[in-house]
C-alpha atoms as a PDB file:
ATOM      1  CA  MET A   1       1.023 -11.647   0.419  1.00  0.00           C
ATOM      2  CA  LYS A   2      -0.910 -10.455  -3.016  1.00  0.00           C
ATOM      3  CA  THR A   3      -0.712  -6.787  -3.341  1.00  0.00           C
ATOM      4  CA  PHE A   4      -3.163  -4.866  -5.502  1.00  0.00           C
ATOM      5  CA  SER A   5      -2.479  -1.362  -6.835  1.00  0.00           C
ATOM      6  CA  VAL A   6      -4.060   1.251  -9.286  1.00  0.00           C
ATOM      7  CA  THR A   7      -2.975   4.358 -10.746  1.00  0.00           C
ATOM      8  CA  THR A   8      -5.412   6.661 -12.816  1.00  0.00           C
ATOM      9  CA  ALA A   9      -5.634  10.269 -13.899  1.00  0.00           C
ATOM     10  CA  ILE A  10      -8.098  12.712 -12.308  1.00  0.00           C
ATOM     11  CA  ARG A  11      -8.930  16.018 -12.724  1.00  0.00           C
ATOM     12  CA  ALA A  12      -9.550  17.124  -9.455  1.00  0.00           C
ATOM     13  CA  THR A  13      -7.449  18.513  -6.665  1.00  0.00           C
ATOM     14  CA  PRO A  14      -5.672  16.530  -4.539  1.00  0.00           C
ATOM     15  CA  GLU A  15      -7.934  17.907  -1.274  1.00  0.00           C
ATOM     16  CA  LYS A  16     -10.996  16.665  -3.133  1.00  0.00           C
ATOM     17  CA  ILE A  17      -9.683  12.899  -3.805  1.00  0.00           C
ATOM     18  CA  TRP A  18      -8.667  13.078  -0.323  1.00  0.00           C
ATOM     19  CA  ALA A  19     -11.713  13.949   1.121  1.00  0.00           C
ATOM     20  CA  LEU A  20     -13.531  11.397  -1.226  1.00  0.00           C
ATOM     21  CA  LEU A  21     -11.206   8.503  -0.234  1.00  0.00           C
ATOM     22  CA  THR A  22     -11.433   9.170   3.199  1.00  0.00           C
ATOM     23  CA  HIS A  23     -14.813   9.760   3.791  1.00  0.00           C
ATOM     24  CA  ALA A  24     -16.510   5.764   4.236  1.00  0.00           C
ATOM     25  CA  PRO A  25     -20.249   6.811   3.751  1.00  0.00           C
ATOM     26  CA  ASP A  26     -19.691   7.770   0.222  1.00  0.00           C
ATOM     27  CA  TYR A  27     -17.682   5.096  -1.065  1.00  0.00           C
ATOM     28  CA  PRO A  28     -20.817   3.625  -2.984  1.00  0.00           C
ATOM     29  CA  SER A  29     -21.716   6.795  -4.639  1.00  0.00           C
ATOM     30  CA  TRP A  30     -18.282   6.945  -6.578  1.00  0.00           C
ATOM     31  CA  ASN A  31     -17.219   3.004  -6.316  1.00  0.00           C
ATOM     32  CA  PRO A  32     -19.698   0.775  -8.007  1.00  0.00           C
ATOM     33  CA  THR A  33     -17.840  -2.053  -6.500  1.00  0.00           C
ATOM     34  CA  VAL A  34     -18.590  -1.298  -2.797  1.00  0.00           C
ATOM     35  CA  ALA A  35     -22.207  -1.720  -1.294  1.00  0.00           C
ATOM     36  CA  ARG A  36     -21.140  -0.001   2.098  1.00  0.00           C
ATOM     37  CA  VAL A  37     -17.879   0.651   4.232  1.00  0.00           C
ATOM     38  CA  ASP A  38     -18.460   0.967   7.858  1.00  0.00           C
ATOM     39  CA  GLY A  39     -15.732   2.528  10.234  1.00  0.00           C
ATOM     40  CA  THR A  40     -13.589   5.696  10.519  1.00  0.00           C
ATOM     41  CA  ILE A  41     -10.869   6.038   7.504  1.00  0.00           C
ATOM     42  CA  THR A  42      -7.755   6.808   9.707  1.00  0.00           C
ATOM     43  CA  ALA A  43      -4.399   5.765  10.828  1.00  0.00           C
ATOM     44  CA  GLY A  44      -4.805   2.402  12.851  1.00  0.00           C
ATOM     45  CA  GLN A  45      -8.132   1.964  12.500  1.00  0.00           C
ATOM     46  CA  THR A  46     -10.178  -0.778  10.949  1.00  0.00           C
ATOM     47  CA  VAL A  47     -12.989  -0.728   8.453  1.00  0.00           C
ATOM     48  CA  THR A  48     -15.378  -3.046   6.897  1.00  0.00           C
ATOM     49  CA  VAL A  49     -16.243  -3.320   3.383  1.00  0.00           C
ATOM     50  CA  TYR A  50     -18.964  -4.988   2.165  1.00  0.00           C
ATOM     51  CA  PRO A  51     -18.828  -5.548  -2.076  1.00  0.00           C
ATOM     52  CA  THR A  52     -21.468  -5.163  -4.035  1.00  0.00           C
ATOM     53  CA  LEU A  53     -21.524  -8.536  -5.571  1.00  0.00           C
ATOM     54  CA  ASN A  54     -21.888 -10.635  -2.081  1.00  0.00           C
ATOM     55  CA  ARG A  55     -23.151  -8.038   0.559  1.00  0.00           C
ATOM     56  CA  ALA A  56     -23.285 -10.665   3.186  1.00  0.00           C
ATOM     57  CA  ARG A  57     -19.386 -11.432   2.393  1.00  0.00           C
ATOM     58  CA  ALA A  58     -18.164  -8.503   4.422  1.00  0.00           C
ATOM     59  CA  PHE A  59     -14.326  -8.095   4.971  1.00  0.00           C
ATOM     60  CA  PRO A  60     -12.461  -5.841   7.552  1.00  0.00           C
ATOM     61  CA  VAL A  61      -9.277  -4.002   6.453  1.00  0.00           C
ATOM     62  CA  SER A  62      -6.731  -2.100   8.684  1.00  0.00           C
ATOM     63  CA  VAL A  63      -5.746   1.130   7.951  1.00  0.00           C
ATOM     64  CA  THR A  64      -2.100   0.790   7.909  1.00  0.00           C
ATOM     65  CA  GLU A  65      -0.411   3.510   6.292  1.00  0.00           C
ATOM     66  CA  PHE A  66      -2.382   6.979   6.271  1.00  0.00           C
ATOM     67  CA  GLU A  67      -0.161  10.055   5.261  1.00  0.00           C
ATOM     68  CA  PRO A  68      -2.911  12.819   4.621  1.00  0.00           C
ATOM     69  CA  GLY A  69      -3.034  14.053   1.298  1.00  0.00           C
ATOM     70  CA  LYS A  70      -0.200  11.953   0.052  1.00  0.00           C
ATOM     71  CA  ALA A  71      -0.738   7.930   0.747  1.00  0.00           C
ATOM     72  CA  MET A  72      -3.027   5.498   2.270  1.00  0.00           C
ATOM     73  CA  THR A  73      -2.854   1.946   2.716  1.00  0.00           C
ATOM     74  CA  TRP A  74      -5.502  -0.800   3.560  1.00  0.00           C
ATOM     75  CA  THR A  75      -4.347  -4.109   4.936  1.00  0.00           C
ATOM     76  CA  GLY A  76      -6.300  -7.132   5.281  1.00  0.00           C
END
């Protein structure tokens, strides 16, 4: 299985970042590669991501790890 990981330094509180990462409707406002995310980002849920480059090619991902304020993993 392929995995992707990203790390960056962000000047914001962990609470603010967590709020951004878990609020699906706001993804297009801060992530230019995402046109839309449908669903609720929480443990055990499936969300559907619509990429900007091909909005017709949506892909579902499962939230397989969800430790509020610390870690989140999407698997798809």
